[in-house]
Amino acid sequence: MDYIIAKKETLTVKIQFSEILYIGTIPERPRVLRFITDNGVYEAYGKIKDFEVSLGLIFKRCHRKYLVNLKRVKAIDTETRQIIFDNSEVASIECSRRSLTDVLKEWKSL
């Protein structure tokens, strides 16, 4: 399976993993994940840890609340620990200090 079923308001869609920029948690809504894509933001129920295990090397945990698609990363600012995506309309996200070296190493090896 190379897609996820997610919702955007009343619309239910299939999202290809290659379209996802990153997956984030929603603190005020436990077990709800937010999928940020080029086409918008979608939500689905699940645990970020389950996606981390099932998606393998393409997606990497960069923060306790983010799982990033390394193929969609354009740049990583090591000073501010910001991950910048190939879609300039999407805001950059922060990478934790502990995860930065692993994320950088995995991203360079792609």
PDB file of N, CA and C in Angstrom:
ATOM      1  N   MET A   1       0.850  -1.177   0.000  1.00  0.00           N
ATOM      2  CA  MET A   1       0.000   0.000   0.000  1.00  0.00           C
ATOM      3  C   MET A   1       0.894   1.238   0.000  1.00  0.00           C
ATOM      4  N   ASP A   2       0.692   2.106  -0.962  1.00  0.00           N
ATOM      5  CA  ASP A   2       1.511   3.307  -1.067  1.00  0.00           C
ATOM      6  C   ASP A   2       0.676   4.585  -0.956  1.00  0.00           C
ATOM      7  N   TYR A   3      -0.425   4.487  -0.223  1.00  0.00           N
ATOM      8  CA  TYR A   3      -1.280   5.642  -0.008  1.00  0.00           C
ATOM      9  C   TYR A   3      -1.959   5.552   1.359  1.00  0.00           C
ATOM     10  N   ILE A   4      -2.542   6.666   1.766  1.00  0.00           N
ATOM     11  CA  ILE A   4      -3.300   6.742   3.019  1.00  0.00           C
ATOM     12  C   ILE A   4      -4.659   7.356   2.696  1.00  0.00           C
ATOM     13  N   ILE A   5      -5.681   6.907   3.382  1.00  0.00           N
ATOM     14  CA  ILE A   5      -7.008   7.507   3.257  1.00  0.00           C
ATOM     15  C   ILE A   5      -7.119   8.583   4.338  1.00  0.00           C
ATOM     16  N   ALA A   6      -7.426   9.807   3.923  1.00  0.00           N
ATOM     17  CA  ALA A   6      -7.517  10.921   4.870  1.00  0.00           C
ATOM     18  C   ALA A   6      -8.704  11.805   4.513  1.00  0.00           C
ATOM     19  N   LYS A   7      -9.023  12.717   5.415  1.00  0.00           N
ATOM     20  CA  LYS A   7     -10.166  13.608   5.217  1.00  0.00           C
ATOM     21  C   LYS A   7      -9.742  15.070   5.239  1.00  0.00           C
ATOM     22  N   LYS A   8     -10.491  15.850   4.474  1.00  0.00           N
ATOM     23  CA  LYS A   8     -10.384  17.309   4.505  1.00  0.00           C
ATOM     24  C   LYS A   8     -11.820  17.811   4.524  1.00  0.00           C
ATOM     25  N   GLU A   9     -12.268  18.209   5.703  1.00  0.00           N
ATOM     26  CA  GLU A   9     -13.658  18.586   5.949  1.00  0.00           C
ATOM     27  C   GLU A   9     -14.564  17.407   5.598  1.00  0.00           C
ATOM     28  N   THR A  10     -15.403  17.508   4.561  1.00  0.00           N
ATOM     29  CA  THR A  10     -16.304  16.404   4.206  1.00  0.00           C
ATOM     30  C   THR A  10     -15.748  15.524   3.090  1.00  0.00           C
ATOM     31  N   LEU A  11     -14.595  15.870   2.573  1.00  0.00           N
ATOM     32  CA  LEU A  11     -13.980  15.157   1.456  1.00  0.00           C
ATOM     33  C   LEU A  11     -13.036  14.065   1.955  1.00  0.00           C
ATOM     34  N   THR A  12     -13.210  12.839   1.460  1.00  0.00           N
ATOM     35  CA  THR A  12     -12.312  11.733   1.786  1.00  0.00           C
ATOM     36  C   THR A  12     -11.468  11.432   0.552  1.00  0.00           C
ATOM     37  N   VAL A  13     -10.138  11.391   0.724  1.00  0.00           N
ATOM     38  CA  VAL A  13      -9.238  11.232  -0.421  1.00  0.00           C
ATOM     39  C   VAL A  13      -8.154  10.193  -0.146  1.00  0.00           C
ATOM     40  N   LYS A  14      -7.581   9.677  -1.234  1.00  0.00           N
ATOM     41  CA  LYS A  14      -6.387   8.831  -1.162  1.00  0.00           C
ATOM     42  C   LYS A  14      -5.189   9.738  -1.402  1.00  0.00           C
ATOM     43  N   ILE A  15      -4.226   9.701  -0.497  1.00  0.00           N
ATOM     44  CA  ILE A  15      -3.019  10.514  -0.647  1.00  0.00           C
ATOM     45  C   ILE A  15      -1.837   9.576  -0.851  1.00  0.00           C
ATOM     46  N   GLN A  16      -1.134   9.746  -1.961  1.00  0.00           N
ATOM     47  CA  GLN A  16       0.075   8.972  -2.216  1.00  0.00           C
ATOM     48  C   GLN A  16       1.157   9.436  -1.242  1.00  0.00           C
ATOM     49  N   PHE A  17       1.960   8.503  -0.746  1.00  0.00           N
ATOM     50  CA  PHE A  17       3.024   8.862   0.194  1.00  0.00           C
ATOM     51  C   PHE A  17       4.008   9.846  -0.430  1.00  0.00           C
ATOM     52  N   SER A  18       4.208   9.762  -1.741  1.00  0.00           N
ATOM     53  CA  SER A  18       5.143  10.668  -2.413  1.00  0.00           C
ATOM     54  C   SER A  18       4.645  12.118  -2.423  1.00  0.00           C
ATOM     55  N   GLU A  19       3.337  12.330  -2.247  1.00  0.00           N
ATOM     56  CA  GLU A  19       2.766  13.675  -2.228  1.00  0.00           C
ATOM     57  C   GLU A  19       2.897  14.346  -0.862  1.00  0.00           C
ATOM     58  N   ILE A  20       3.141  13.560   0.179  1.00  0.00           N
ATOM     59  CA  ILE A  20       3.177  14.091   1.540  1.00  0.00           C
ATOM     60  C   ILE A  20       4.516  14.779   1.807  1.00  0.00           C
ATOM     61  N   LEU A  21       4.462  16.015   2.293  1.00  0.00           N
ATOM     62  CA  LEU A  21       5.671  16.734   2.699  1.00  0.00           C
ATOM     63  C   LEU A  21       6.071  16.303   4.100  1.00  0.00           C
ATOM     64  N   TYR A  22       5.116  16.341   5.008  1.00  0.00           N
ATOM     65  CA  TYR A  22       5.374  15.839   6.358  1.00  0.00           C
ATOM     66  C   TYR A  22       4.065  15.471   7.045  1.00  0.00           C
ATOM     67  N   ILE A  23       4.197  14.695   8.103  1.00  0.00           N
ATOM     68  CA  ILE A  23       3.070  14.272   8.924  1.00  0.00           C
ATOM     69  C   ILE A  23       3.289  14.871  10.305  1.00  0.00           C
ATOM     70  N   GLY A  24       2.256  15.488  10.843  1.00  0.00           N
ATOM     71  CA  GLY A  24       2.374  16.108  12.159  1.00  0.00           C
ATOM     72  C   GLY A  24       1.245  15.701  13.083  1.00  0.00           C
ATOM     73  N   THR A  25       1.508  15.795  14.367  1.00  0.00           N
ATOM     74  CA  THR A  25       0.472  15.504  15.353  1.00  0.00           C
ATOM     75  C   THR A  25      -0.296  16.781  15.680  1.00  0.00           C
ATOM     76  N   ILE A  26      -1.479  16.603  16.243  1.00  0.00           N
ATOM     77  CA  ILE A  26      -2.297  17.728  16.672  1.00  0.00           C
ATOM     78  C   ILE A  26      -2.441  17.615  18.186  1.00  0.00           C
ATOM     79  N   PRO A  27      -1.749  18.463  18.954  1.00  0.00           N
ATOM     80  CA  PRO A  27      -1.734  18.321  20.416  1.00  0.00           C
ATOM     81  C   PRO A  27      -3.118  18.323  21.066  1.00  0.00           C
ATOM     82  N   GLU A  28      -4.017  19.145  20.567  1.00  0.00           N
ATOM     83  CA  GLU A  28      -5.340  19.235  21.179  1.00  0.00           C
ATOM     84  C   GLU A  28      -6.289  18.114  20.741  1.00  0.00           C
ATOM     85  N   ARG A  29      -5.862  17.296  19.788  1.00  0.00           N
ATOM     86  CA  ARG A  29      -6.684  16.176  19.311  1.00  0.00           C
ATOM     87  C   ARG A  29      -5.834  14.913  19.275  1.00  0.00           C
ATOM     88  N   PRO A  30      -5.814  14.159  20.369  1.00  0.00           N
ATOM     89  CA  PRO A  30      -4.994  12.938  20.432  1.00  0.00           C
ATOM     90  C   PRO A  30      -5.377  11.935  19.346  1.00  0.00           C
ATOM     91  N   ARG A  31      -4.371  11.252  18.832  1.00  0.00           N
ATOM     92  CA  ARG A  31      -4.528  10.205  17.818  1.00  0.00           C
ATOM     93  C   ARG A  31      -5.024  10.713  16.461  1.00  0.00           C
ATOM     94  N   VAL A  32      -4.981  12.011  16.249  1.00  0.00           N
ATOM     95  CA  VAL A  32      -5.314  12.568  14.941  1.00  0.00           C
ATOM     96  C   VAL A  32      -4.027  13.107  14.340  1.00  0.00           C
ATOM     97  N   LEU A  33      -3.734  12.675  13.116  1.00  0.00           N
ATOM     98  CA  LEU A  33      -2.525  13.123  12.425  1.00  0.00           C
ATOM     99  C   LEU A  33      -2.901  14.079  11.307  1.00  0.00           C
ATOM    100  N   ARG A  34      -2.032  15.027  11.052  1.00  0.00           N
ATOM    101  CA  ARG A  34      -2.218  16.003   9.984  1.00  0.00           C
ATOM    102  C   ARG A  34      -1.200  15.696   8.889  1.00  0.00           C
ATOM    103  N   PHE A  35      -1.688  15.518   7.665  1.00  0.00           N
ATOM    104  CA  PHE A  35      -0.846  15.225   6.506  1.00  0.00           C
ATOM    105  C   PHE A  35      -0.752  16.484   5.662  1.00  0.00           C
ATOM    106  N   ILE A  36       0.438  17.051   5.554  1.00  0.00           N
ATOM    107  CA  ILE A  36       0.647  18.274   4.792  1.00  0.00           C
ATOM    108  C   ILE A  36       1.150  17.881   3.409  1.00  0.00           C
ATOM    109  N   THR A  37       0.390  18.277   2.375  1.00  0.00           N
ATOM    110  CA  THR A  37       0.724  17.944   0.991  1.00  0.00           C
ATOM    111  C   THR A  37       0.759  19.226   0.162  1.00  0.00           C
ATOM    112  N   ASP A  38       1.080  19.077  -1.129  1.00  0.00           N
ATOM    113  CA  ASP A  38       1.045  20.219  -2.039  1.00  0.00           C
ATOM    114  C   ASP A  38      -0.379  20.732  -2.219  1.00  0.00           C
ATOM    115  N   ASN A  39      -1.349  19.827  -2.108  1.00  0.00           N
ATOM    116  CA  ASN A  39      -2.748  20.163  -2.369  1.00  0.00           C
ATOM    117  C   ASN A  39      -3.531  20.593  -1.139  1.00  0.00           C
ATOM    118  N   GLY A  40      -2.905  20.595   0.014  1.00  0.00           N
ATOM    119  CA  GLY A  40      -3.611  21.014   1.216  1.00  0.00           C
ATOM    120  C   GLY A  40      -3.260  20.177   2.425  1.00  0.00           C
ATOM    121  N   VAL A  41      -4.063  20.349   3.463  1.00  0.00           N
ATOM    122  CA  VAL A  41      -3.851  19.657   4.731  1.00  0.00           C
ATOM    123  C   VAL A  41      -5.006  18.690   4.956  1.00  0.00           C
ATOM    124  N   TYR A  42      -4.664  17.449   5.262  1.00  0.00           N
ATOM    125  CA  TYR A  42      -5.657  16.402   5.480  1.00  0.00           C
ATOM    126  C   TYR A  42      -5.440  15.793   6.853  1.00  0.00           C
ATOM    127  N   GLU A  43      -6.477  15.146   7.378  1.00  0.00           N
ATOM    128  CA  GLU A  43      -6.378  14.536   8.695  1.00  0.00           C
ATOM    129  C   GLU A  43      -6.826  13.086   8.648  1.00  0.00           C
ATOM    130  N   ALA A  44      -6.236  12.277   9.524  1.00  0.00           N
ATOM    131  CA  ALA A  44      -6.611  10.867   9.660  1.00  0.00           C
ATOM    132  C   ALA A  44      -6.248  10.414  11.064  1.00  0.00           C
ATOM    133  N   TYR A  45      -6.920   9.370  11.508  1.00  0.00           N
ATOM    134  CA  TYR A  45      -6.616   8.806  12.823  1.00  0.00           C
ATOM    135  C   TYR A  45      -5.421   7.871  12.724  1.00  0.00           C
ATOM    136  N   GLY A  46      -4.589   7.878  13.743  1.00  0.00           N
ATOM    137  CA  GLY A  46      -3.440   6.990  13.784  1.00  0.00           C
ATOM    138  C   GLY A  46      -2.396   7.489  14.763  1.00  0.00           C
ATOM    139  N   LYS A  47      -1.320   6.726  14.848  1.00  0.00           N
ATOM    140  CA  LYS A  47      -0.196   7.100  15.702  1.00  0.00           C
ATOM    141  C   LYS A  47       1.002   7.377  14.814  1.00  0.00           C
ATOM    142  N   ILE A  48       1.732   8.421  15.121  1.00  0.00           N
ATOM    143  CA  ILE A  48       2.896   8.786  14.316  1.00  0.00           C
ATOM    144  C   ILE A  48       3.957   7.686  14.372  1.00  0.00           C
ATOM    145  N   LYS A  49       4.033   6.991  15.491  1.00  0.00           N
ATOM    146  CA  LYS A  49       5.002   5.908  15.644  1.00  0.00           C
ATOM    147  C   LYS A  49       4.711   4.762  14.666  1.00  0.00           C
ATOM    148  N   ASP A  50       3.426   4.462  14.436  1.00  0.00           N
ATOM    149  CA  ASP A  50       3.059   3.411  13.487  1.00  0.00           C
ATOM    150  C   ASP A  50       3.500   3.766  12.067  1.00  0.00           C
ATOM    151  N   PHE A  51       3.338   5.034  11.689  1.00  0.00           N
ATOM    152  CA  PHE A  51       3.773   5.472  10.365  1.00  0.00           C
ATOM    153  C   PHE A  51       5.291   5.462  10.256  1.00  0.00           C
ATOM    154  N   GLU A  52       5.957   5.823  11.322  1.00  0.00           N
ATOM    155  CA  GLU A  52       7.425   5.821  11.332  1.00  0.00           C
ATOM    156  C   GLU A  52       7.958   4.422  11.040  1.00  0.00           C
ATOM    157  N   VAL A  53       7.344   3.417  11.612  1.00  0.00           N
ATOM    158  CA  VAL A  53       7.775   2.028  11.410  1.00  0.00           C
ATOM    159  C   VAL A  53       7.417   1.548  10.006  1.00  0.00           C
ATOM    160  N   SER A  54       6.203   1.829   9.555  1.00  0.00           N
ATOM    161  CA  SER A  54       5.736   1.270   8.286  1.00  0.00           C
ATOM    162  C   SER A  54       6.281   1.983   7.048  1.00  0.00           C
ATOM    163  N   LEU A  55       6.647   3.253   7.157  1.00  0.00           N
ATOM    164  CA  LEU A  55       7.090   4.000   5.978  1.00  0.00           C
ATOM    165  C   LEU A  55       8.573   3.866   5.678  1.00  0.00           C
ATOM    166  N   GLY A  56       9.345   3.357   6.594  1.00  0.00           N
ATOM    167  CA  GLY A  56      10.745   3.050   6.323  1.00  0.00           C
ATOM    168  C   GLY A  56      11.653   4.246   6.173  1.00  0.00           C
ATOM    169  N   LEU A  57      12.575   4.163   5.207  1.00  0.00           N
ATOM    170  CA  LEU A  57      13.663   5.137   5.088  1.00  0.00           C
ATOM    171  C   LEU A  57      13.272   6.466   4.457  1.00  0.00           C
ATOM    172  N   ILE A  58      12.198   6.503   3.699  1.00  0.00           N
ATOM    173  CA  ILE A  58      11.822   7.746   3.030  1.00  0.00           C
ATOM    174  C   ILE A  58      11.351   8.788   4.042  1.00  0.00           C
ATOM    175  N   PHE A  59      10.624   8.354   5.064  1.00  0.00           N
ATOM    176  CA  PHE A  59      10.140   9.249   6.108  1.00  0.00           C
ATOM    177  C   PHE A  59      11.009   9.099   7.345  1.00  0.00           C
ATOM    178  N   LYS A  60      11.366  10.218   7.943  1.00  0.00           N
ATOM    179  CA  LYS A  60      12.257  10.211   9.108  1.00  0.00           C
ATOM    180  C   LYS A  60      11.667  11.102  10.201  1.00  0.00           C
ATOM    181  N   ARG A  61      11.757  10.643  11.427  1.00  0.00           N
ATOM    182  CA  ARG A  61      11.270  11.409  12.576  1.00  0.00           C
ATOM    183  C   ARG A  61      12.279  12.515  12.857  1.00  0.00           C
ATOM    184  N   CYS A  62      11.834  13.777  12.752  1.00  0.00           N
ATOM    185  CA  CYS A  62      12.739  14.902  12.985  1.00  0.00           C
ATOM    186  C   CYS A  62      12.409  15.628  14.283  1.00  0.00           C
ATOM    187  N   HIS A  63      11.295  15.306  14.865  1.00  0.00           N
ATOM    188  CA  HIS A  63      10.824  15.935  16.097  1.00  0.00           C
ATOM    189  C   HIS A  63       9.779  14.991  16.664  1.00  0.00           C
ATOM    190  N   ARG A  64       9.464  15.120  17.933  1.00  0.00           N
ATOM    191  CA  ARG A  64       8.488  14.176  18.489  1.00  0.00           C
ATOM    192  C   ARG A  64       7.105  14.343  17.877  1.00  0.00           C
ATOM    193  N   LYS A  65       6.857  15.476  17.218  1.00  0.00           N
ATOM    194  CA  LYS A  65       5.553  15.668  16.595  1.00  0.00           C
ATOM    195  C   LYS A  65       5.584  15.713  15.064  1.00  0.00           C
ATOM    196  N   TYR A  66       6.749  15.466  14.441  1.00  0.00           N
ATOM    197  CA  TYR A  66       6.848  15.512  12.981  1.00  0.00           C
ATOM    198  C   TYR A  66       7.540  14.281  12.409  1.00  0.00           C
ATOM    199  N   LEU A  67       7.016  13.836  11.277  1.00  0.00           N
ATOM    200  CA  LEU A  67       7.632  12.791  10.473  1.00  0.00           C
ATOM    201  C   LEU A  67       7.773  13.392   9.079  1.00  0.00           C
ATOM    202  N   VAL A  68       8.999  13.535   8.588  1.00  0.00           N
ATOM    203  CA  VAL A  68       9.248  14.298   7.365  1.00  0.00           C
ATOM    204  C   VAL A  68       9.605  13.370   6.206  1.00  0.00           C
ATOM    205  N   ASN A  69       9.102  13.719   5.011  1.00  0.00           N
ATOM    206  CA  ASN A  69       9.421  12.995   3.785  1.00  0.00           C
ATOM    207  C   ASN A  69      10.756  13.546   3.273  1.00  0.00           C
ATOM    208  N   LEU A  70      11.825  12.781   3.412  1.00  0.00           N
ATOM    209  CA  LEU A  70      13.164  13.260   3.056  1.00  0.00           C
ATOM    210  C   LEU A  70      13.310  13.568   1.570  1.00  0.00           C
ATOM    211  N   LYS A  71      12.517  12.919   0.721  1.00  0.00           N
ATOM    212  CA  LYS A  71      12.596  13.190  -0.715  1.00  0.00           C
ATOM    213  C   LYS A  71      12.022  14.557  -1.073  1.00  0.00           C
ATOM    214  N   ARG A  72      11.251  15.146  -0.189  1.00  0.00           N
ATOM    215  CA  ARG A  72      10.643  16.454  -0.444  1.00  0.00           C
ATOM    216  C   ARG A  72      11.382  17.589   0.264  1.00  0.00           C
ATOM    217  N   VAL A  73      12.489  17.278   0.932  1.00  0.00           N
ATOM    218  CA  VAL A  73      13.278  18.300   1.630  1.00  0.00           C
ATOM    219  C   VAL A  73      14.219  18.970   0.634  1.00  0.00           C
ATOM    220  N   LYS A  74      14.174  20.300   0.602  1.00  0.00           N
ATOM    221  CA  LYS A  74      15.046  21.067  -0.290  1.00  0.00           C
ATOM    222  C   LYS A  74      16.343  21.444   0.414  1.00  0.00           C
ATOM    223  N   ALA A  75      16.251  21.825   1.691  1.00  0.00           N
ATOM    224  CA  ALA A  75      17.428  22.263   2.447  1.00  0.00           C
ATOM    225  C   ALA A  75      17.190  22.074   3.936  1.00  0.00           C
ATOM    226  N   ILE A  76      18.305  21.994   4.673  1.00  0.00           N
ATOM    227  CA  ILE A  76      18.252  21.920   6.128  1.00  0.00           C
ATOM    228  C   ILE A  76      19.211  22.967   6.676  1.00  0.00           C
ATOM    229  N   ASP A  77      18.676  23.889   7.462  1.00  0.00           N
ATOM    230  CA  ASP A  77      19.487  24.930   8.093  1.00  0.00           C
ATOM    231  C   ASP A  77      19.958  24.392   9.439  1.00  0.00           C
ATOM    232  N   THR A  78      21.250  24.095   9.541  1.00  0.00           N
ATOM    233  CA  THR A  78      21.775  23.483  10.763  1.00  0.00           C
ATOM    234  C   THR A  78      21.867  24.472  11.925  1.00  0.00           C
ATOM    235  N   GLU A  79      21.931  25.756  11.630  1.00  0.00           N
ATOM    236  CA  GLU A  79      22.013  26.748  12.705  1.00  0.00           C
ATOM    237  C   GLU A  79      20.662  26.922  13.406  1.00  0.00           C
ATOM    238  N   THR A  80      19.603  27.077  12.617  1.00  0.00           N
ATOM    239  CA  THR A  80      18.267  27.264  13.200  1.00  0.00           C
ATOM    240  C   THR A  80      17.493  25.949  13.302  1.00  0.00           C
ATOM    241  N   ARG A  81      18.063  24.873  12.769  1.00  0.00           N
ATOM    242  CA  ARG A  81      17.467  23.536  12.758  1.00  0.00           C
ATOM    243  C   ARG A  81      16.120  23.517  12.030  1.00  0.00           C
ATOM    244  N   GLN A  82      16.014  24.281  10.947  1.00  0.00           N
ATOM    245  CA  GLN A  82      14.787  24.344  10.159  1.00  0.00           C
ATOM    246  C   GLN A  82      14.898  23.436   8.942  1.00  0.00           C
ATOM    247  N   ILE A  83      13.817  22.715   8.655  1.00  0.00           N
ATOM    248  CA  ILE A  83      13.743  21.880   7.459  1.00  0.00           C
ATOM    249  C   ILE A  83      12.895  22.632   6.444  1.00  0.00           C
ATOM    250  N   ILE A  84      13.470  22.860   5.260  1.00  0.00           N
ATOM    251  CA  ILE A  84      12.824  23.634   4.208  1.00  0.00           C
ATOM    252  C   ILE A  84      12.432  22.674   3.092  1.00  0.00           C
ATOM    253  N   PHE A  85      11.189  22.788   2.625  1.00  0.00           N
ATOM    254  CA  PHE A  85      10.656  21.853   1.640  1.00  0.00           C
ATOM    255  C   PHE A  85      10.752  22.395   0.222  1.00  0.00           C
ATOM    256  N   ASP A  86      10.587  21.493  -0.762  1.00  0.00           N
ATOM    257  CA  ASP A  86      10.659  21.887  -2.167  1.00  0.00           C
ATOM    258  C   ASP A  86       9.454  22.727  -2.597  1.00  0.00           C
ATOM    259  N   ASN A  87       8.399  22.738  -1.827  1.00  0.00           N
ATOM    260  CA  ASN A  87       7.241  23.589  -2.080  1.00  0.00           C
ATOM    261  C   ASN A  87       7.378  24.826  -1.194  1.00  0.00           C
ATOM    262  N   SER A  88       7.646  25.970  -1.808  1.00  0.00           N
ATOM    263  CA  SER A  88       7.907  27.190  -1.036  1.00  0.00           C
ATOM    264  C   SER A  88       6.664  27.733  -0.331  1.00  0.00           C
ATOM    265  N   GLU A  89       5.482  27.244  -0.697  1.00  0.00           N
ATOM    266  CA  GLU A  89       4.251  27.698  -0.049  1.00  0.00           C
ATOM    267  C   GLU A  89       4.058  27.062   1.330  1.00  0.00           C
ATOM    268  N   VAL A  90       4.782  25.983   1.590  1.00  0.00           N
ATOM    269  CA  VAL A  90       4.676  25.286   2.872  1.00  0.00           C
ATOM    270  C   VAL A  90       5.746  25.824   3.813  1.00  0.00           C
ATOM    271  N   ALA A  91       5.333  26.165   5.022  1.00  0.00           N
ATOM    272  CA  ALA A  91       6.268  26.709   6.010  1.00  0.00           C
ATOM    273  C   ALA A  91       7.282  25.649   6.429  1.00  0.00           C
ATOM    274  N   SER A  92       8.474  26.102   6.766  1.00  0.00           N
ATOM    275  CA  SER A  92       9.499  25.178   7.250  1.00  0.00           C
ATOM    276  C   SER A  92       9.127  24.706   8.652  1.00  0.00           C
ATOM    277  N   ILE A  93       9.689  23.554   9.055  1.00  0.00           N
ATOM    278  CA  ILE A  93       9.420  23.019  10.388  1.00  0.00           C
ATOM    279  C   ILE A  93      10.734  22.842  11.134  1.00  0.00           C
ATOM    280  N   GLU A  94      10.627  22.772  12.442  1.00  0.00           N
ATOM    281  CA  GLU A  94      11.814  22.660  13.281  1.00  0.00           C
ATOM    282  C   GLU A  94      12.199  21.202  13.491  1.00  0.00           C
ATOM    283  N   CYS A  95      13.501  20.972  13.525  1.00  0.00           N
ATOM    284  CA  CYS A  95      14.055  19.649  13.806  1.00  0.00           C
ATOM    285  C   CYS A  95      14.669  19.696  15.205  1.00  0.00           C
ATOM    286  N   SER A  96      14.482  18.657  15.979  1.00  0.00           N
ATOM    287  CA  SER A  96      15.043  18.646  17.333  1.00  0.00           C
ATOM    288  C   SER A  96      16.565  18.503  17.283  1.00  0.00           C
ATOM    289  N   ARG A  97      17.225  18.941  18.345  1.00  0.00           N
ATOM    290  CA  ARG A  97      18.688  18.837  18.416  1.00  0.00           C
ATOM    291  C   ARG A  97      19.135  17.388  18.302  1.00  0.00           C
ATOM    292  N   ARG A  98      18.438  16.505  18.979  1.00  0.00           N
ATOM    293  CA  ARG A  98      18.822  15.090  18.993  1.00  0.00           C
ATOM    294  C   ARG A  98      18.652  14.423  17.634  1.00  0.00           C
ATOM    295  N   SER A  99      17.665  14.850  16.874  1.00  0.00           N
ATOM    296  CA  SER A  99      17.383  14.208  15.586  1.00  0.00           C
ATOM    297  C   SER A  99      18.139  14.821  14.419  1.00  0.00           C
ATOM    298  N   LEU A 100      18.673  16.015  14.593  1.00  0.00           N
ATOM    299  CA  LEU A 100      19.266  16.763  13.480  1.00  0.00           C
ATOM    300  C   LEU A 100      20.355  15.984  12.753  1.00  0.00           C
ATOM    301  N   THR A 101      21.303  15.406  13.457  1.00  0.00           N
ATOM    302  CA  THR A 101      22.406  14.707  12.788  1.00  0.00           C
ATOM    303  C   THR A 101      21.914  13.481  12.028  1.00  0.00           C
ATOM    304  N   ASP A 102      20.970  12.728  12.597  1.00  0.00           N
ATOM    305  CA  ASP A 102      20.426  11.559  11.902  1.00  0.00           C
ATOM    306  C   ASP A 102      19.658  11.960  10.649  1.00  0.00           C
ATOM    307  N   VAL A 103      18.831  12.990  10.768  1.00  0.00           N
ATOM    308  CA  VAL A 103      18.045  13.464   9.628  1.00  0.00           C
ATOM    309  C   VAL A 103      18.974  13.963   8.531  1.00  0.00           C
ATOM    310  N   LEU A 104      19.977  14.735   8.894  1.00  0.00           N
ATOM    311  CA  LEU A 104      20.938  15.271   7.929  1.00  0.00           C
ATOM    312  C   LEU A 104      21.681  14.147   7.210  1.00  0.00           C
ATOM    313  N   LYS A 105      22.108  13.149   7.952  1.00  0.00           N
ATOM    314  CA  LYS A 105      22.833  12.018   7.371  1.00  0.00           C
ATOM    315  C   LYS A 105      21.946  11.223   6.407  1.00  0.00           C
ATOM    316  N   GLU A 106      20.717  10.941   6.810  1.00  0.00           N
ATOM    317  CA  GLU A 106      19.785  10.197   5.950  1.00  0.00           C
ATOM    318  C   GLU A 106      19.448  10.994   4.695  1.00  0.00           C
ATOM    319  N   TRP A 107      19.231  12.308   4.851  1.00  0.00           N
ATOM    320  CA  TRP A 107      18.872  13.157   3.725  1.00  0.00           C
ATOM    321  C   TRP A 107      20.009  13.232   2.709  1.00  0.00           C
ATOM    322  N   LYS A 108      21.242  13.347   3.175  1.00  0.00           N
ATOM    323  CA  LYS A 108      22.401  13.409   2.274  1.00  0.00           C
ATOM    324  C   LYS A 108      22.603  12.102   1.520  1.00  0.00           C
ATOM    325  N   SER A 109      22.210  10.992   2.127  1.00  0.00           N
ATOM    326  CA  SER A 109      22.441   9.687   1.499  1.00  0.00           C
ATOM    327  C   SER A 109      21.381   9.317   0.460  1.00  0.00           C
ATOM    328  N   LEU A 110      20.319  10.111   0.332  1.00  0.00           N
ATOM    329  CA  LEU A 110      19.280   9.804  -0.668  1.00  0.00           C
ATOM    330  C   LEU A 110      19.741  10.114  -2.072  1.00  0.00           C
TER     331      LEU A 110
END
